C-alpha atoms as a PDB file:
ATOM      1  CA  MET A   1     121.617 147.175 103.402  1.00  0.00           C
ATOM      2  CA  ASN A   2     124.612 145.501 101.765  1.00  0.00           C
ATOM      3  CA  GLU A   3     124.578 142.782 104.438  1.00  0.00           C
ATOM      4  CA  ILE A   4     120.910 142.082 103.749  1.00  0.00           C
ATOM      5  CA  PHE A   5     121.627 141.840 100.023  1.00  0.00           C
ATOM      6  CA  GLN A   6     124.531 139.450 100.624  1.00  0.00           C
ATOM      7  CA  PHE A   7     122.381 137.318 102.931  1.00  0.00           C
ATOM      8  CA  SER A   8     119.629 137.148 100.292  1.00  0.00           C
ATOM      9  CA  ARG A   9     122.163 136.077  97.687  1.00  0.00           C
ATOM     10  CA  LEU A  10     123.443 133.384 100.041  1.00  0.00           C
ATOM     11  CA  ILE A  11     119.918 132.043 100.618  1.00  0.00           C
ATOM     12  CA  GLU A  12     119.292 131.990  96.863  1.00  0.00           C
ATOM     13  CA  HIS A  13     122.572 130.168  96.251  1.00  0.00           C
ATOM     14  CA  LEU A  14     121.796 127.544  98.907  1.00  0.00           C
ATOM     15  CA  THR A  15     118.292 127.075  97.531  1.00  0.00           C
ATOM     16  CA  ARG A  16     119.577 126.648  93.977  1.00  0.00           C
ATOM     17  CA  THR A  17     122.131 124.124  95.244  1.00  0.00           C
ATOM     18  CA  ALA A  18     119.412 122.195  97.096  1.00  0.00           C
ATOM     19  CA  ILE A  19     117.158 122.133  94.012  1.00  0.00           C
ATOM     20  CA  ASN A  20     120.039 121.016  91.799  1.00  0.00           C
ATOM     21  CA  SER A  21     120.863 118.241  94.273  1.00  0.00           C
ATOM     22  CA  PHE A  22     117.215 117.186  94.361  1.00  0.00           C
ATOM     23  CA  PHE A  23     116.987 116.917  90.576  1.00  0.00           C
ATOM     24  CA  SER A  24     120.236 114.907  90.500  1.00  0.00           C
ATOM     25  CA  SER A  25     118.910 112.470  93.101  1.00  0.00           C
ATOM     26  CA  TRP A  26     115.659 112.196  91.138  1.00  0.00           C
ATOM     27  CA  TYR A  27     117.468 111.132  87.975  1.00  0.00           C
ATOM     28  CA  THR A  28     119.669 108.669  89.895  1.00  0.00           C
ATOM     29  CA  ALA A  29     116.598 107.089  91.474  1.00  0.00           C
ATOM     30  CA  LEU A  30     114.851 106.837  88.099  1.00  0.00           C
ATOM     31  CA  PHE A  31     117.892 105.184  86.545  1.00  0.00           C
ATOM     32  CA  ASN A  32     118.053 102.700  89.427  1.00  0.00           C
ATOM     33  CA  ALA A  33     114.344 101.989  89.029  1.00  0.00           C
ATOM     34  CA  VAL A  34     114.817 101.246  85.322  1.00  0.00           C
ATOM     35  CA  GLU A  35     117.910  99.134  85.903  1.00  0.00           C
ATOM     36  CA  GLY A  36     116.396  97.249  88.816  1.00  0.00           C
ATOM     37  CA  ALA A  37     113.697  94.635  89.058  1.00  0.00           C
ATOM     38  CA  SER A  38     111.327  93.968  86.172  1.00  0.00           C
ATOM     39  CA  LEU A  39     108.494  96.484  85.876  1.00  0.00           C
ATOM     40  CA  ILE A  40     105.828  93.875  85.240  1.00  0.00           C
ATOM     41  CA  PRO A  41     106.961  90.271  85.880  1.00  0.00           C
ATOM     42  CA  ASP A  42     106.436  87.866  82.993  1.00  0.00           C
ATOM     43  CA  ILE A  43     104.200  85.656  85.132  1.00  0.00           C
ATOM     44  CA  ILE A  44     101.403  88.264  85.270  1.00  0.00           C
ATOM     45  CA  ILE A  45     101.469  89.447  81.623  1.00  0.00           C
ATOM     46  CA  PRO A  46      99.376  86.553  80.180  1.00  0.00           C
ATOM     47  CA  GLU A  47      96.716  87.309  82.790  1.00  0.00           C
ATOM     48  CA  ILE A  48      96.315  91.046  82.240  1.00  0.00           C
ATOM     49  CA  ASP A  49      96.970  91.011  78.481  1.00  0.00           C
ATOM     50  CA  PRO A  50      96.283  87.426  77.315  1.00  0.00           C
ATOM     51  CA  ASP A  51      95.771  88.257  73.633  1.00  0.00           C
ATOM     52  CA  LYS A  52      98.510  90.924  73.478  1.00  0.00           C
ATOM     53  CA  ASN A  53      95.950  93.610  72.701  1.00  0.00           C
ATOM     54  CA  THR A  54      97.820  96.391  74.455  1.00  0.00           C
ATOM     55  CA  ASN A  55     100.431  98.670  72.933  1.00  0.00           C
ATOM     56  CA  TYR A  56     102.102 101.570  74.737  1.00  0.00           C
ATOM     57  CA  LEU A  57     103.547 104.779  73.326  1.00  0.00           C
ATOM     58  CA  LEU A  58     107.188 105.090  74.361  1.00  0.00           C
ATOM     59  CA  ASP A  59     106.634 108.765  75.242  1.00  0.00           C
ATOM     60  CA  ASP A  60     103.795 107.815  77.583  1.00  0.00           C
ATOM     61  CA  ILE A  61     105.950 105.232  79.337  1.00  0.00           C
ATOM     62  CA  LEU A  62     108.861 107.646  79.786  1.00  0.00           C
ATOM     63  CA  THR A  63     106.533 110.346  81.079  1.00  0.00           C
ATOM     64  CA  ALA A  64     104.752 107.991  83.475  1.00  0.00           C
ATOM     65  CA  LEU A  65     108.085 106.937  84.957  1.00  0.00           C
ATOM     66  CA  SER A  66     109.375 110.450  85.564  1.00  0.00           C
ATOM     67  CA  VAL A  67     106.049 111.989  86.602  1.00  0.00           C
ATOM     68  CA  GLY A  68     105.606 109.082  89.021  1.00  0.00           C
ATOM     69  CA  LEU A  69     107.468 111.003  91.736  1.00  0.00           C
ATOM     70  CA  ALA A  70     104.892 113.802  91.630  1.00  0.00           C
ATOM     71  CA  PHE A  71     102.215 111.069  91.618  1.00  0.00           C
ATOM     72  CA  LEU A  72     103.558 109.903  95.000  1.00  0.00           C
ATOM     73  CA  GLY A  73     103.021 113.412  96.340  1.00  0.00           C
ATOM     74  CA  ILE A  74      99.239 112.979  96.152  1.00  0.00           C
ATOM     75  CA  PRO A  75      98.214 112.375  99.810  1.00  0.00           C
ATOM     76  CA  GLU A  76      95.618 109.721  98.971  1.00  0.00           C
ATOM     77  CA  VAL A  77      98.254 107.713  97.095  1.00  0.00           C
ATOM     78  CA  SER A  78     101.223 108.194  99.411  1.00  0.00           C
ATOM     79  CA  ALA A  79      99.207 107.292 102.501  1.00  0.00           C
ATOM     80  CA  ALA A  80      98.854 103.742 101.199  1.00  0.00           C
ATOM     81  CA  LEU A  81     102.600 103.262 100.788  1.00  0.00           C
ATOM     82  CA  ILE A  82     103.889 103.543 104.356  1.00  0.00           C
ATOM     83  CA  GLY A  83     105.480 100.215 105.210  1.00  0.00           C
ATOM     84  CA  VAL A  84     106.606  99.503 101.637  1.00  0.00           C
ATOM     85  CA  ASP A  85     110.383  99.934 101.994  1.00  0.00           C
ATOM     86  CA  GLU A  86     109.427 102.314 104.804  1.00  0.00           C
ATOM     87  CA  ALA A  87     112.623 104.318 105.337  1.00  0.00           C
ATOM     88  CA  ALA A  88     113.148 104.919 101.621  1.00  0.00           C
ATOM     89  CA  SER A  89     109.487 105.550 100.883  1.00  0.00           C
ATOM     90  CA  VAL A  90     109.142 108.141 103.671  1.00  0.00           C
ATOM     91  CA  ALA A  91     112.127 110.106 102.332  1.00  0.00           C
ATOM     92  CA  THR A  92     110.810 109.825  98.788  1.00  0.00           C
ATOM     93  CA  LYS A  93     107.315 110.962  99.784  1.00  0.00           C
ATOM     94  CA  ILE A  94     108.759 114.034 101.506  1.00  0.00           C
ATOM     95  CA  ALA A  95     110.599 114.823  98.273  1.00  0.00           C
ATOM     96  CA  ALA A  96     107.447 114.074  96.260  1.00  0.00           C
ATOM     97  CA  GLY A  97     105.440 116.477  98.388  1.00  0.00           C
ATOM     98  CA  ALA A  98     108.020 119.231  97.870  1.00  0.00           C
ATOM     99  CA  LEU A  99     108.020 118.594  94.117  1.00  0.00           C
ATOM    100  CA  ASN A 100     104.220 118.589  93.990  1.00  0.00           C
ATOM    101  CA  VAL A 101     104.007 121.988  95.668  1.00  0.00           C
ATOM    102  CA  GLY A 102     106.772 123.393  93.472  1.00  0.00           C
ATOM    103  CA  LEU A 103     105.132 122.228  90.246  1.00  0.00           C
ATOM    104  CA  GLN A 104     101.776 123.657  91.237  1.00  0.00           C
ATOM    105  CA  GLN A 105     103.399 127.007  91.943  1.00  0.00           C
ATOM    106  CA  ALA A 106     105.550 126.934  88.802  1.00  0.00           C
ATOM    107  CA  PRO A 107     103.598 124.975  86.143  1.00  0.00           C
ATOM    108  CA  GLY A 108     106.005 126.145  83.459  1.00  0.00           C
ATOM    109  CA  VAL A 109     108.615 123.823  84.944  1.00  0.00           C
ATOM    110  CA  ALA A 110     106.280 120.850  84.533  1.00  0.00           C
ATOM    111  CA  GLN A 111     105.444 121.903  80.987  1.00  0.00           C
ATOM    112  CA  ALA A 112     109.168 122.071  80.181  1.00  0.00           C
ATOM    113  CA  MET A 113     109.631 118.481  81.347  1.00  0.00           C
ATOM    114  CA  TRP A 114     106.406 117.042  79.987  1.00  0.00           C
ATOM    115  CA  PRO A 115     105.301 119.135  76.995  1.00  0.00           C
ATOM    116  CA  GLN A 116     101.821 118.481  75.693  1.00  0.00           C
ATOM    117  CA  GLY A 117     101.575 116.300  72.619  1.00  0.00           C
ATOM    118  CA  THR A 118     103.631 113.240  71.854  1.00  0.00           C
ATOM    119  CA  THR A 119     106.792 113.500  69.776  1.00  0.00           C
ATOM    120  CA  SER A 120     106.970 109.796  69.003  1.00  0.00           C
ATOM    121  CA  THR A 121     104.490 107.251  67.677  1.00  0.00           C
ATOM    122  CA  GLN A 122     106.624 104.227  68.607  1.00  0.00           C
ATOM    123  CA  THR A 123     104.565 101.613  70.426  1.00  0.00           C
ATOM    124  CA  TYR A 124     105.616  98.510  72.326  1.00  0.00           C
ATOM    125  CA  GLN A 125     103.949  95.629  74.135  1.00  0.00           C
ATOM    126  CA  ILE A 126     104.422  94.999  77.852  1.00  0.00           C
ATOM    127  CA  ASP A 127     107.216  92.462  77.535  1.00  0.00           C
ATOM    128  CA  ALA A 128     109.341  94.949  75.563  1.00  0.00           C
ATOM    129  CA  LEU A 129     108.945  97.944  77.877  1.00  0.00           C
ATOM    130  CA  GLN A 130     111.767  97.139  80.264  1.00  0.00           C
ATOM    131  CA  GLN A 131     114.362  96.984  77.496  1.00  0.00           C
ATOM    132  CA  GLN A 132     113.013 100.126  75.849  1.00  0.00           C
ATOM    133  CA  LEU A 133     113.428 102.041  79.103  1.00  0.00           C
ATOM    134  CA  LEU A 134     116.987 100.769  79.434  1.00  0.00           C
ATOM    135  CA  ASP A 135     117.703 101.808  75.851  1.00  0.00           C
ATOM    136  CA  ASN A 136     116.277 105.297  76.337  1.00  0.00           C
ATOM    137  CA  THR A 137     117.688 106.529  79.644  1.00  0.00           C
ATOM    138  CA  ASP A 138     118.985 109.574  77.748  1.00  0.00           C
ATOM    139  CA  LEU A 139     115.374 110.600  77.055  1.00  0.00           C
ATOM    140  CA  ILE A 140     114.573 110.310  80.773  1.00  0.00           C
ATOM    141  CA  SER A 141     117.628 112.449  81.517  1.00  0.00           C
ATOM    142  CA  ASN A 142     116.432 115.033  78.985  1.00  0.00           C
ATOM    143  CA  GLN A 143     113.038 115.290  80.714  1.00  0.00           C
ATOM    144  CA  ILE A 144     114.575 115.938  84.131  1.00  0.00           C
ATOM    145  CA  ASN A 145     117.221 118.281  82.744  1.00  0.00           C
ATOM    146  CA  SER A 146     114.609 120.350  80.901  1.00  0.00           C
ATOM    147  CA  GLY A 147     112.910 121.146  84.194  1.00  0.00           C
ATOM    148  CA  LEU A 148     116.193 121.988  85.903  1.00  0.00           C
ATOM    149  CA  VAL A 149     117.289 124.280  83.060  1.00  0.00           C
ATOM    150  CA  GLU A 150     113.958 126.123  83.251  1.00  0.00           C
ATOM    151  CA  LEU A 151     114.478 126.663  86.970  1.00  0.00           C
ATOM    152  CA  MET A 152     118.066 127.804  86.690  1.00  0.00           C
ATOM    153  CA  THR A 153     117.540 130.188  83.771  1.00  0.00           C
ATOM    154  CA  ASN A 154     114.081 131.594  84.520  1.00  0.00           C
ATOM    155  CA  GLN A 155     114.160 133.697  87.687  1.00  0.00           C
ATOM    156  CA  GLN A 156     110.374 133.942  87.881  1.00  0.00           C
ATOM    157  CA  ALA A 157     110.004 130.161  87.665  1.00  0.00           C
ATOM    158  CA  PHE A 158     112.736 129.666  90.280  1.00  0.00           C
ATOM    159  CA  VAL A 159     111.119 132.071  92.752  1.00  0.00           C
ATOM    160  CA  ALA A 160     107.696 130.458  92.296  1.00  0.00           C
ATOM    161  CA  PHE A 161     109.038 126.894  92.605  1.00  0.00           C
ATOM    162  CA  ALA A 162     111.056 127.721  95.733  1.00  0.00           C
ATOM    163  CA  SER A 163     108.502 130.022  97.380  1.00  0.00           C
ATOM    164  CA  SER A 164     107.155 127.282  99.660  1.00  0.00           C
ATOM    165  CA  GLY A 165     110.521 127.178 101.424  1.00  0.00           C
ATOM    166  CA  ASN A 166     110.742 123.392 101.088  1.00  0.00           C
ATOM    167  CA  PHE A 167     114.198 123.640  99.545  1.00  0.00           C
ATOM    168  CA  SER A 168     115.503 126.368 101.875  1.00  0.00           C
ATOM    169  CA  GLY A 169     115.644 124.639 105.254  1.00  0.00           C
ATOM    170  CA  ASN A 170     118.038 122.165 106.829  1.00  0.00           C
ATOM    171  CA  ALA A 171     116.100 119.119 105.612  1.00  0.00           C
ATOM    172  CA  ASP A 172     117.709 117.075 102.852  1.00  0.00           C
ATOM    173  CA  ILE A 173     115.031 116.978 100.130  1.00  0.00           C
ATOM    174  CA  SER A 174     116.187 114.118  97.945  1.00  0.00           C
ATOM    175  CA  VAL A 175     114.835 110.954  96.381  1.00  0.00           C
ATOM    176  CA  ALA A 176     116.083 107.691  97.874  1.00  0.00           C
ATOM    177  CA  ASN A 177     118.468 105.871  95.541  1.00  0.00           C
ATOM    178  CA  ASP A 178     116.649 102.577  95.952  1.00  0.00           C
ATOM    179  CA  THR A 179     112.914 102.597  96.574  1.00  0.00           C
ATOM    180  CA  THR A 180     110.153 100.232  95.537  1.00  0.00           C
ATOM    181  CA  THR A 181     107.615 103.054  95.398  1.00  0.00           C
ATOM    182  CA  LEU A 182     109.078 105.205  92.617  1.00  0.00           C
ATOM    183  CA  GLY A 183     107.671 103.135  89.763  1.00  0.00           C
ATOM    184  CA  LEU A 184     104.140 103.034  91.162  1.00  0.00           C
ATOM    185  CA  GLY A 185     102.787 105.563  88.663  1.00  0.00           C
ATOM    186  CA  LEU A 186     104.264 103.703  85.710  1.00  0.00           C
ATOM    187  CA  ARG A 187     103.083 100.294  86.915  1.00  0.00           C
ATOM    188  CA  THR A 188      99.621 101.734  87.499  1.00  0.00           C
ATOM    189  CA  LEU A 189      99.524 103.030  83.933  1.00  0.00           C
ATOM    190  CA  ILE A 190     100.733  99.715  82.472  1.00  0.00           C
ATOM    191  CA  VAL A 191      98.279  97.567  84.435  1.00  0.00           C
ATOM    192  CA  SER A 192      95.265  99.884  84.074  1.00  0.00           C
ATOM    193  CA  THR A 193      95.799 100.275  80.328  1.00  0.00           C
ATOM    194  CA  ALA A 194      96.068  96.508  79.837  1.00  0.00           C
ATOM    195  CA  LEU A 195      92.919  95.900  81.882  1.00  0.00           C
ATOM    196  CA  SER A 196      91.035  98.533  79.902  1.00  0.00           C
ATOM    197  CA  GLN A 197      92.171  97.185  76.541  1.00  0.00           C
ATOM    198  CA  ASN A 198      91.028  93.717  77.601  1.00  0.00           C
ATOM    199  CA  HIS A 199      87.590  95.045  78.624  1.00  0.00           C
ATOM    200  CA  TYR A 200      87.902  94.737  82.402  1.00  0.00           C
ATOM    201  CA  GLN A 201      85.978  97.326  84.357  1.00  0.00           C
ATOM    202  CA  GLY A 202      86.387  98.984  87.695  1.00  0.00           C
ATOM    203  CA  ILE A 203      83.141  98.704  89.657  1.00  0.00           C
ATOM    204  CA  VAL A 204      82.235 101.332  92.246  1.00  0.00           C
ATOM    205  CA  ASN A 205      79.382 101.232  94.750  1.00  0.00           C
ATOM    206  CA  PRO A 206      78.453 103.238  97.835  1.00  0.00           C
ATOM    207  CA  THR A 207      79.414 101.230 100.894  1.00  0.00           C
ATOM    208  CA  SER A 208      75.779 101.422 101.978  1.00  0.00           C
ATOM    209  CA  ILE A 209      74.968  99.132  99.048  1.00  0.00           C
ATOM    210  CA  ARG A 210      78.092  97.017  98.773  1.00  0.00           C
ATOM    211  CA  SER A 211      80.989  96.957 101.194  1.00  0.00           C
ATOM    212  CA  CYS A 212      84.319  95.171 101.225  1.00  0.00           C
ATOM    213  CA  ASN A 213      85.226  92.335 103.520  1.00  0.00           C
ATOM    214  CA  PRO A 214      87.959  93.703 105.840  1.00  0.00           C
ATOM    215  CA  ASP A 215      90.073  90.628 105.100  1.00  0.00           C
ATOM    216  CA  ASP A 216      89.761  91.032 101.311  1.00  0.00           C
ATOM    217  CA  ASP A 217      92.544  93.241  99.980  1.00  0.00           C
ATOM    218  CA  THR A 218      91.312  92.794  96.393  1.00  0.00           C
ATOM    219  CA  CYS A 219      88.414  95.110  97.216  1.00  0.00           C
ATOM    220  CA  TYR A 220      89.220  98.712  98.157  1.00  0.00           C
ATOM    221  CA  THR A 221      87.124 100.996 100.366  1.00  0.00           C
ATOM    222  CA  ASN A 222      87.695 104.729 100.613  1.00  0.00           C
ATOM    223  CA  SER A 223      86.390 105.715 104.026  1.00  0.00           C
ATOM    224  CA  THR A 224      86.388 109.427 103.145  1.00  0.00           C
ATOM    225  CA  THR A 225      84.122 109.090 100.110  1.00  0.00           C
ATOM    226  CA  GLY A 226      82.191 106.065 101.358  1.00  0.00           C
ATOM    227  CA  LEU A 227      82.839 104.224  98.095  1.00  0.00           C
ATOM    228  CA  ALA A 228      83.912 100.631  97.510  1.00  0.00           C
ATOM    229  CA  PHE A 229      85.835  99.515  94.426  1.00  0.00           C
ATOM    230  CA  SER A 230      86.387  96.126  92.838  1.00  0.00           C
ATOM    231  CA  LEU A 231      87.477  94.583  89.552  1.00  0.00           C
ATOM    232  CA  GLY A 232      84.739  93.391  87.218  1.00  0.00           C
ATOM    233  CA  ASP A 233      84.930  90.299  85.037  1.00  0.00           C
ATOM    234  CA  PRO A 234      84.242  91.019  81.323  1.00  0.00           C
ATOM    235  CA  GLN A 235      83.357  87.383  80.674  1.00  0.00           C
ATOM    236  CA  ASP A 236      80.110  87.659  82.613  1.00  0.00           C
ATOM    237  CA  HIS A 237      77.489  88.161  79.895  1.00  0.00           C
ATOM    238  CA  HIS A 238      74.934  89.348  82.473  1.00  0.00           C
ATOM    239  CA  GLY A 239      77.145  92.337  83.251  1.00  0.00           C
ATOM    240  CA  PRO A 240      80.428  92.632  85.128  1.00  0.00           C
ATOM    241  CA  THR A 241      80.535  90.718  88.394  1.00  0.00           C
ATOM    242  CA  TRP A 242      81.358  92.474  91.644  1.00  0.00           C
ATOM    243  CA  THR A 243      84.830  91.028  91.979  1.00  0.00           C
ATOM    244  CA  ASN A 244      87.492  89.162  90.071  1.00  0.00           C
ATOM    245  CA  ALA A 245      89.484  88.305  93.167  1.00  0.00           C
ATOM    246  CA  PRO A 246      91.973  85.815  91.645  1.00  0.00           C
ATOM    247  CA  LEU A 247      93.201  88.310  89.051  1.00  0.00           C
ATOM    248  CA  MET A 248      93.348  91.171  91.560  1.00  0.00           C
ATOM    249  CA  THR A 249      95.300  88.971  93.974  1.00  0.00           C
ATOM    250  CA  ASP A 250      97.856  88.221  91.271  1.00  0.00           C
ATOM    251  CA  ILE A 251      98.105  91.914  90.300  1.00  0.00           C
ATOM    252  CA  LEU A 252      98.655  93.041  93.891  1.00  0.00           C
ATOM    253  CA  THR A 253     101.135  90.235  94.554  1.00  0.00           C
ATOM    254  CA  ASN A 254     103.241  90.542  91.406  1.00  0.00           C
ATOM    255  CA  THR A 255     103.217  94.173  90.289  1.00  0.00           C
ATOM    256  CA  SER A 256     103.508  96.367  93.444  1.00  0.00           C
ATOM    257  CA  VAL A 257     100.398  98.211  92.186  1.00  0.00           C
ATOM    258  CA  THR A 258      98.014  99.011  95.031  1.00  0.00           C
ATOM    259  CA  ALA A 259      94.238  98.768  94.881  1.00  0.00           C
ATOM    260  CA  GLN A 260      94.121 102.403  95.980  1.00  0.00           C
ATOM    261  CA  SER A 261      96.340 103.663  93.167  1.00  0.00           C
ATOM    262  CA  LEU A 262      94.438 101.567  90.614  1.00  0.00           C
ATOM    263  CA  PHE A 263      90.851 102.326  91.612  1.00  0.00           C
ATOM    264  CA  GLN A 264      90.679 105.586  93.556  1.00  0.00           C
ATOM    265  CA  ASN A 265      93.044 107.471  91.270  1.00  0.00           C
ATOM    266  CA  SER A 266      91.101 106.428  88.181  1.00  0.00           C
ATOM    267  CA  PHE A 267      87.809 107.383  89.796  1.00  0.00           C
ATOM    268  CA  GLN A 268      89.087 110.835  90.771  1.00  0.00           C
ATOM    269  CA  CYS A 269      90.336 111.452  87.265  1.00  0.00           C
ATOM    270  CA  ALA A 270      87.051 110.456  85.636  1.00  0.00           C
ATOM    271  CA  SER A 271      85.076 112.511  88.169  1.00  0.00           C
ATOM    272  CA  ALA A 272      87.172 115.568  87.312  1.00  0.00           C
ATOM    273  CA  GLY A 273      86.342 115.129  83.632  1.00  0.00           C
ATOM    274  CA  ASN A 274      89.879 114.070  82.710  1.00  0.00           C
ATOM    275  CA  PHE A 275      89.047 110.594  81.413  1.00  0.00           C
ATOM    276  CA  GLY A 276      91.059 109.761  78.313  1.00  0.00           C
ATOM    277  CA  THR A 277      93.338 112.799  78.552  1.00  0.00           C
ATOM    278  CA  GLY A 278      96.570 110.796  78.623  1.00  0.00           C
ATOM    279  CA  VAL A 279      99.364 110.310  81.106  1.00  0.00           C
ATOM    280  CA  ILE A 280      99.375 113.902  82.238  1.00  0.00           C
ATOM    281  CA  SER A 281      96.986 116.776  81.693  1.00  0.00           C
ATOM    282  CA  TRP A 282      96.988 120.489  82.451  1.00  0.00           C
ATOM    283  CA  GLY A 283      94.560 122.434  84.577  1.00  0.00           C
ATOM    284  CA  ARG A 284      94.433 125.919  86.052  1.00  0.00           C
ATOM    285  CA  ALA A 285      96.550 124.749  88.970  1.00  0.00           C
ATOM    286  CA  GLY A 286      99.156 123.091  86.767  1.00  0.00           C
ATOM    287  CA  THR A 287      99.634 119.377  86.331  1.00  0.00           C
ATOM    288  CA  GLU A 288      96.957 116.793  87.053  1.00  0.00           C
ATOM    289  CA  ARG A 289      98.634 113.423  87.592  1.00  0.00           C
ATOM    290  CA  SER A 290      95.378 111.539  88.104  1.00  0.00           C
ATOM    291  CA  ALA A 291      95.379 110.783  84.390  1.00  0.00           C
ATOM    292  CA  LEU A 292      98.053 108.149  85.133  1.00  0.00           C
ATOM    293  CA  SER A 293      95.293 105.579  85.475  1.00  0.00           C
ATOM    294  CA  ASP A 294      92.415 107.285  83.701  1.00  0.00           C
ATOM    295  CA  GLU A 295      92.219 104.664  80.975  1.00  0.00           C
ATOM    296  CA  PHE A 296      90.770 102.204  83.474  1.00  0.00           C
ATOM    297  CA  GLY A 297      87.300 103.197  84.536  1.00  0.00           C
END
């Protein structure tokens, strides 16, 4: 009996060590993402926010960056990212999947990191976001640390988070130090909010009525739902046109945002009744990341 108890303690210790290592790698990756390439290159800003209509709450930006890892754990989103920094993105998506499962099983951990309600009313325009993230890395650290403290001090939360076994095997569950995919959730929020504030619309049609040209990556088709998505032009006074291909081409080329993350994620959020709920919302199963792009619909 004593041997069984000692073995159980060893497994718990190894699992806690693995979770601690995961959270450390997550913060390191977030810091590298902030310190790295520009979130939204200057060349695209005049196109998506020509009149500087869009302001962003600092809390929303910080949350979108950190919750972006869980965002990558959504199968429909992660499936589109294979081939983008493939080795790093595969490792990160494995970690994202483990985090997603853990947060669904232990929603209190997510609520510790991303409490409902904003604590700051500071707003900034797109061209100031990069510097604000650099100036507030301590706030990002606080978000990650809050989740880790909850896990390490709340036995019930720890057991629930680790119950899937994802952090108990031989696999190294960690976030790659340098990956182009980690900021996808944040970039999606920035671009979709700017498009919404400048009156662009996402247009959706059944593929039986309107389908995408296979060679046109500015139009996105979801084969599972049989729906086709495109970007409407608000300047058309007869109603939004089916596609604004030049703008979508520039968005896809310059921001690393994918048509799938921009359109399908927004559609799922609106369909679930979460439109306008903010960067992250809470449901019976825990967090609902689809609100990352719910302002664009």
